[in-house]
């Protein structure tokens, strides 16, 4: 029974980490539009809520692919850059296939060399830095917070997680049916 509870707890933890990385990615994208592009607030991404699933999935996968290189920060940075850039490129093709277009274009942005506007050198380096922060700061800190809340307020932890899951799934299903919230 204890093994089953641990697996359930791990699934919940990974879901919360996914949401946290998705939220951080949303904040990052909103800040780029606001401060770099000077376009004011724009709810970036596919969903209405403050979560970009590509950052959530990418963050989780970065945690997995960096397990063996975390003791070597430079190698870890390079792995994160390469991996995040590959995920971004793949995501652009999947979005174009699913929705007819992808939600970003690095051409004429000052992000340095690009490939079809889908990936760019500057964004790859920024993703590398964000991935390092995720691996060495955000994930360890979040683990501590999640564990404390789970231990001290187990019912609250479960109810909050279920509410977040229901909200996320409703937003996701709506947008899979009706398309992205992006207007530009």
C-alpha atoms as a PDB file:
ATOM      1  CA  UNK A   1       0.000   0.000   0.000  1.00  0.00           C
ATOM      2  CA  UNK A   2       2.837   2.387   0.852  1.00  0.00           C
ATOM      3  CA  UNK A   3       4.413   1.862  -2.609  1.00  0.00           C
ATOM      4  CA  UNK A   4       1.097   2.760  -4.270  1.00  0.00           C
ATOM      5  CA  UNK A   5       0.752   5.942  -2.173  1.00  0.00           C
ATOM      6  CA  UNK A   6       4.303   6.935  -3.095  1.00  0.00           C
ATOM      7  CA  UNK A   7       3.607   6.493  -6.824  1.00  0.00           C
ATOM      8  CA  UNK A   8       0.422   8.560  -6.508  1.00  0.00           C
ATOM      9  CA  UNK A   9       2.376  11.238  -4.629  1.00  0.00           C
ATOM     10  CA  UNK A  10       5.052  11.259  -7.364  1.00  0.00           C
ATOM     11  CA  UNK A  11       2.430  11.713 -10.107  1.00  0.00           C
ATOM     12  CA  UNK A  12       0.911  14.638  -8.221  1.00  0.00           C
ATOM     13  CA  UNK A  13       4.354  16.178  -7.649  1.00  0.00           C
ATOM     14  CA  UNK A  14       5.244  15.896 -11.347  1.00  0.00           C
ATOM     15  CA  UNK A  15       1.923  17.477 -12.306  1.00  0.00           C
ATOM     16  CA  UNK A  16       2.582  20.411  -9.961  1.00  0.00           C
ATOM     17  CA  UNK A  17       6.117  20.772 -11.353  1.00  0.00           C
ATOM     18  CA  UNK A  18       4.637  20.745 -14.874  1.00  0.00           C
ATOM     19  CA  UNK A  19       2.256  23.566 -13.904  1.00  0.00           C
ATOM     20  CA  UNK A  20       5.029  25.533 -12.205  1.00  0.00           C
ATOM     21  CA  UNK A  21       7.279  25.348 -15.265  1.00  0.00           C
ATOM     22  CA  UNK A  22       4.301  26.186 -17.494  1.00  0.00           C
ATOM     23  CA  UNK A  23       3.572  29.236 -15.353  1.00  0.00           C
ATOM     24  CA  UNK A  24       7.200  30.400 -15.364  1.00  0.00           C
ATOM     25  CA  UNK A  25       7.213  30.029 -19.154  1.00  0.00           C
ATOM     26  CA  UNK A  26       4.014  32.063 -19.405  1.00  0.00           C
ATOM     27  CA  UNK A  27       5.533  34.858 -17.273  1.00  0.00           C
ATOM     28  CA  UNK A  28       8.689  34.777 -19.437  1.00  0.00           C
ATOM     29  CA  UNK A  29       6.661  35.081 -22.660  1.00  0.00           C
ATOM     30  CA  UNK A  30       4.428  37.856 -21.290  1.00  0.00           C
ATOM     31  CA  UNK A  31       7.534  39.802 -20.214  1.00  0.00           C
ATOM     32  CA  UNK A  32       9.089  39.448 -23.681  1.00  0.00           C
ATOM     33  CA  UNK A  33       5.966  40.861 -25.343  1.00  0.00           C
ATOM     34  CA  UNK A  34       5.613  43.627 -22.788  1.00  0.00           C
ATOM     35  CA  UNK A  35       9.214  44.776 -22.329  1.00  0.00           C
ATOM     36  CA  UNK A  36      11.032  43.732 -25.508  1.00  0.00           C
ATOM     37  CA  UNK A  37       8.311  44.155 -28.087  1.00  0.00           C
ATOM     38  CA  UNK A  38       6.601  47.035 -26.229  1.00  0.00           C
ATOM     39  CA  UNK A  39       3.166  45.678 -27.076  1.00  0.00           C
ATOM     40  CA  UNK A  40       1.722  45.710 -23.554  1.00  0.00           C
ATOM     41  CA  UNK A  41       0.110  42.703 -21.928  1.00  0.00           C
ATOM     42  CA  UNK A  42      -0.646  39.733 -24.157  1.00  0.00           C
ATOM     43  CA  UNK A  43      -1.857  36.393 -22.849  1.00  0.00           C
ATOM     44  CA  UNK A  44       0.736  34.288 -24.603  1.00  0.00           C
ATOM     45  CA  UNK A  45       0.289  30.757 -25.711  1.00  0.00           C
ATOM     46  CA  UNK A  46      -2.408  28.288 -26.441  1.00  0.00           C
ATOM     47  CA  UNK A  47      -4.514  28.427 -23.256  1.00  0.00           C
ATOM     48  CA  UNK A  48      -6.493  31.112 -21.431  1.00  0.00           C
ATOM     49  CA  UNK A  49      -4.887  30.287 -18.094  1.00  0.00           C
ATOM     50  CA  UNK A  50      -1.361  31.349 -17.142  1.00  0.00           C
ATOM     51  CA  UNK A  51       0.334  28.171 -18.305  1.00  0.00           C
ATOM     52  CA  UNK A  52       2.277  27.303 -21.436  1.00  0.00           C
ATOM     53  CA  UNK A  53       2.256  23.501 -21.675  1.00  0.00           C
ATOM     54  CA  UNK A  54       5.358  23.482 -23.887  1.00  0.00           C
ATOM     55  CA  UNK A  55       7.350  24.940 -20.983  1.00  0.00           C
ATOM     56  CA  UNK A  56       5.799  22.444 -18.567  1.00  0.00           C
ATOM     57  CA  UNK A  57       6.637  19.466 -20.754  1.00  0.00           C
ATOM     58  CA  UNK A  58      10.011  20.919 -21.686  1.00  0.00           C
ATOM     59  CA  UNK A  59      10.869  21.549 -18.034  1.00  0.00           C
ATOM     60  CA  UNK A  60       9.964  18.007 -17.005  1.00  0.00           C
ATOM     61  CA  UNK A  61      11.935  16.534 -19.887  1.00  0.00           C
ATOM     62  CA  UNK A  62      14.929  18.740 -19.055  1.00  0.00           C
ATOM     63  CA  UNK A  63      14.881  17.343 -15.515  1.00  0.00           C
ATOM     64  CA  UNK A  64      14.993  13.850 -17.013  1.00  0.00           C
ATOM     65  CA  UNK A  65      17.678  14.433 -19.680  1.00  0.00           C
ATOM     66  CA  UNK A  66      20.010  16.268 -17.284  1.00  0.00           C
ATOM     67  CA  UNK A  67      20.073  13.642 -14.517  1.00  0.00           C
ATOM     68  CA  UNK A  68      23.509  12.301 -15.512  1.00  0.00           C
ATOM     69  CA  UNK A  69      25.131  15.679 -16.248  1.00  0.00           C
ATOM     70  CA  UNK A  70      23.983  17.812 -13.300  1.00  0.00           C
ATOM     71  CA  UNK A  71      27.380  17.619 -11.626  1.00  0.00           C
ATOM     72  CA  UNK A  72      28.892  19.315 -14.691  1.00  0.00           C
ATOM     73  CA  UNK A  73      27.164  22.705 -15.114  1.00  0.00           C
ATOM     74  CA  UNK A  74      28.699  23.577 -18.496  1.00  0.00           C
ATOM     75  CA  UNK A  75      27.731  20.230 -19.991  1.00  0.00           C
ATOM     76  CA  UNK A  76      24.307  20.549 -18.371  1.00  0.00           C
ATOM     77  CA  UNK A  77      23.880  23.990 -19.989  1.00  0.00           C
ATOM     78  CA  UNK A  78      24.788  22.611 -23.426  1.00  0.00           C
ATOM     79  CA  UNK A  79      22.415  19.654 -23.037  1.00  0.00           C
ATOM     80  CA  UNK A  80      19.594  21.998 -21.997  1.00  0.00           C
ATOM     81  CA  UNK A  81      20.243  24.363 -24.945  1.00  0.00           C
ATOM     82  CA  UNK A  82      20.256  21.526 -27.465  1.00  0.00           C
ATOM     83  CA  UNK A  83      17.245  19.804 -25.966  1.00  0.00           C
ATOM     84  CA  UNK A  84      15.106  22.944 -25.545  1.00  0.00           C
ATOM     85  CA  UNK A  85      15.874  24.055 -29.088  1.00  0.00           C
ATOM     86  CA  UNK A  86      14.884  20.632 -30.414  1.00  0.00           C
ATOM     87  CA  UNK A  87      11.614  20.730 -28.462  1.00  0.00           C
ATOM     88  CA  UNK A  88      10.849  24.225 -29.769  1.00  0.00           C
ATOM     89  CA  UNK A  89      11.511  23.164 -33.357  1.00  0.00           C
ATOM     90  CA  UNK A  90       9.389  20.023 -33.031  1.00  0.00           C
ATOM     91  CA  UNK A  91       6.595  21.979 -31.326  1.00  0.00           C
ATOM     92  CA  UNK A  92       6.517  24.506 -34.171  1.00  0.00           C
ATOM     93  CA  UNK A  93       6.013  21.727 -36.719  1.00  0.00           C
ATOM     94  CA  UNK A  94       3.346  20.007 -34.594  1.00  0.00           C
ATOM     95  CA  UNK A  95       1.456  23.278 -34.079  1.00  0.00           C
ATOM     96  CA  UNK A  96       1.624  24.061 -37.779  1.00  0.00           C
ATOM     97  CA  UNK A  97       0.288  20.590 -38.580  1.00  0.00           C
ATOM     98  CA  UNK A  98      -2.487  20.794 -35.939  1.00  0.00           C
ATOM     99  CA  UNK A  99      -3.544  24.466 -36.171  1.00  0.00           C
ATOM    100  CA  UNK A 100      -2.152  25.635 -39.503  1.00  0.00           C
ATOM    101  CA  UNK A 101       0.527  27.887 -38.003  1.00  0.00           C
ATOM    102  CA  UNK A 102       2.918  28.164 -35.089  1.00  0.00           C
ATOM    103  CA  UNK A 103       2.687  30.934 -32.496  1.00  0.00           C
ATOM    104  CA  UNK A 104       6.095  32.593 -32.879  1.00  0.00           C
ATOM    105  CA  UNK A 105       8.419  33.799 -35.597  1.00  0.00           C
ATOM    106  CA  UNK A 106      11.985  34.818 -34.813  1.00  0.00           C
ATOM    107  CA  UNK A 107      12.659  36.371 -38.213  1.00  0.00           C
ATOM    108  CA  UNK A 108      13.394  40.102 -37.982  1.00  0.00           C
ATOM    109  CA  UNK A 109      13.409  40.047 -34.167  1.00  0.00           C
ATOM    110  CA  UNK A 110      17.083  40.593 -33.377  1.00  0.00           C
ATOM    111  CA  UNK A 111      17.346  37.085 -31.945  1.00  0.00           C
ATOM    112  CA  UNK A 112      20.295  36.301 -34.191  1.00  0.00           C
ATOM    113  CA  UNK A 113      20.454  33.499 -36.728  1.00  0.00           C
ATOM    114  CA  UNK A 114      17.181  31.614 -37.106  1.00  0.00           C
ATOM    115  CA  UNK A 115      15.917  28.528 -38.855  1.00  0.00           C
ATOM    116  CA  UNK A 116      12.657  29.285 -40.677  1.00  0.00           C
ATOM    117  CA  UNK A 117      11.781  31.658 -37.822  1.00  0.00           C
ATOM    118  CA  UNK A 118      11.110  28.583 -35.662  1.00  0.00           C
ATOM    119  CA  UNK A 119      14.300  28.577 -33.583  1.00  0.00           C
ATOM    120  CA  UNK A 120      16.962  31.215 -32.930  1.00  0.00           C
ATOM    121  CA  UNK A 121      20.378  31.383 -31.305  1.00  0.00           C
ATOM    122  CA  UNK A 122      19.361  33.901 -28.654  1.00  0.00           C
ATOM    123  CA  UNK A 123      16.273  31.951 -27.623  1.00  0.00           C
ATOM    124  CA  UNK A 124      18.366  28.768 -27.399  1.00  0.00           C
ATOM    125  CA  UNK A 125      20.789  30.501 -25.023  1.00  0.00           C
ATOM    126  CA  UNK A 126      17.916  31.954 -22.986  1.00  0.00           C
ATOM    127  CA  UNK A 127      16.329  28.511 -22.734  1.00  0.00           C
ATOM    128  CA  UNK A 128      19.701  27.169 -21.593  1.00  0.00           C
ATOM    129  CA  UNK A 129      19.843  29.710 -18.770  1.00  0.00           C
ATOM    130  CA  UNK A 130      16.215  29.095 -17.801  1.00  0.00           C
ATOM    131  CA  UNK A 131      16.849  25.352 -17.848  1.00  0.00           C
ATOM    132  CA  UNK A 132      19.798  25.794 -15.508  1.00  0.00           C
ATOM    133  CA  UNK A 133      17.602  27.807 -13.145  1.00  0.00           C
ATOM    134  CA  UNK A 134      14.973  25.055 -13.361  1.00  0.00           C
ATOM    135  CA  UNK A 135      17.450  22.264 -12.598  1.00  0.00           C
ATOM    136  CA  UNK A 136      19.459  23.971  -9.861  1.00  0.00           C
ATOM    137  CA  UNK A 137      16.971  26.377  -8.230  1.00  0.00           C
ATOM    138  CA  UNK A 138      13.270  26.047  -9.119  1.00  0.00           C
ATOM    139  CA  UNK A 139      12.903  22.264  -8.964  1.00  0.00           C
ATOM    140  CA  UNK A 140      14.793  21.770  -5.667  1.00  0.00           C
ATOM    141  CA  UNK A 141      12.910  24.669  -4.054  1.00  0.00           C
ATOM    142  CA  UNK A 142       9.557  23.467  -5.340  1.00  0.00           C
ATOM    143  CA  UNK A 143      10.239  19.961  -4.046  1.00  0.00           C
ATOM    144  CA  UNK A 144      10.768  21.352  -0.561  1.00  0.00           C
ATOM    145  CA  UNK A 145       7.596  23.452  -0.641  1.00  0.00           C
ATOM    146  CA  UNK A 146       5.447  20.655  -2.082  1.00  0.00           C
ATOM    147  CA  UNK A 147       6.729  18.186   0.495  1.00  0.00           C
ATOM    148  CA  UNK A 148       6.011  20.553   3.394  1.00  0.00           C
ATOM    149  CA  UNK A 149       2.474  21.313   2.192  1.00  0.00           C
ATOM    150  CA  UNK A 150       1.819  17.615   1.537  1.00  0.00           C
ATOM    151  CA  UNK A 151       2.989  16.658   5.035  1.00  0.00           C
ATOM    152  CA  UNK A 152       1.336  19.479   6.997  1.00  0.00           C
ATOM    153  CA  UNK A 153      -1.875  19.963   4.980  1.00  0.00           C
ATOM    154  CA  UNK A 154      -2.552  16.696   3.129  1.00  0.00           C
ATOM    155  CA  UNK A 155      -6.247  17.363   2.405  1.00  0.00           C
ATOM    156  CA  UNK A 156      -5.570  20.894   1.248  1.00  0.00           C
ATOM    157  CA  UNK A 157      -2.743  19.575  -0.933  1.00  0.00           C
ATOM    158  CA  UNK A 158      -5.054  17.049  -2.574  1.00  0.00           C
ATOM    159  CA  UNK A 159      -7.968  19.478  -3.035  1.00  0.00           C
ATOM    160  CA  UNK A 160      -5.721  22.183  -4.496  1.00  0.00           C
ATOM    161  CA  UNK A 161      -4.134  19.706  -6.876  1.00  0.00           C
ATOM    162  CA  UNK A 162      -7.526  18.412  -8.042  1.00  0.00           C
ATOM    163  CA  UNK A 163      -8.771  21.973  -8.591  1.00  0.00           C
ATOM    164  CA  UNK A 164      -5.662  22.838 -10.599  1.00  0.00           C
ATOM    165  CA  UNK A 165      -6.027  19.643 -12.623  1.00  0.00           C
ATOM    166  CA  UNK A 166      -9.716  20.270 -13.385  1.00  0.00           C
ATOM    167  CA  UNK A 167      -9.036  23.880 -14.400  1.00  0.00           C
ATOM    168  CA  UNK A 168      -6.078  22.939 -16.581  1.00  0.00           C
ATOM    169  CA  UNK A 169      -7.945  20.091 -18.297  1.00  0.00           C
ATOM    170  CA  UNK A 170     -11.029  22.237 -18.959  1.00  0.00           C
ATOM    171  CA  UNK A 171      -8.842  24.944 -20.521  1.00  0.00           C
ATOM    172  CA  UNK A 172      -6.899  22.382 -22.558  1.00  0.00           C
ATOM    173  CA  UNK A 173      -9.979  20.563 -23.886  1.00  0.00           C
ATOM    174  CA  UNK A 174     -11.694  23.841 -24.772  1.00  0.00           C
ATOM    175  CA  UNK A 175      -8.689  25.033 -26.761  1.00  0.00           C
ATOM    176  CA  UNK A 176      -8.087  21.712 -28.462  1.00  0.00           C
ATOM    177  CA  UNK A 177     -11.643  21.972 -29.773  1.00  0.00           C
ATOM    178  CA  UNK A 178     -11.808  25.717 -30.458  1.00  0.00           C
ATOM    179  CA  UNK A 179      -8.177  26.612 -31.182  1.00  0.00           C
ATOM    180  CA  UNK A 180      -5.640  28.925 -29.627  1.00  0.00           C
ATOM    181  CA  UNK A 181      -6.335  32.151 -27.751  1.00  0.00           C
ATOM    182  CA  UNK A 182      -3.494  33.844 -29.674  1.00  0.00           C
ATOM    183  CA  UNK A 183      -4.702  36.720 -31.796  1.00  0.00           C
ATOM    184  CA  UNK A 184      -1.395  37.588 -33.456  1.00  0.00           C
END
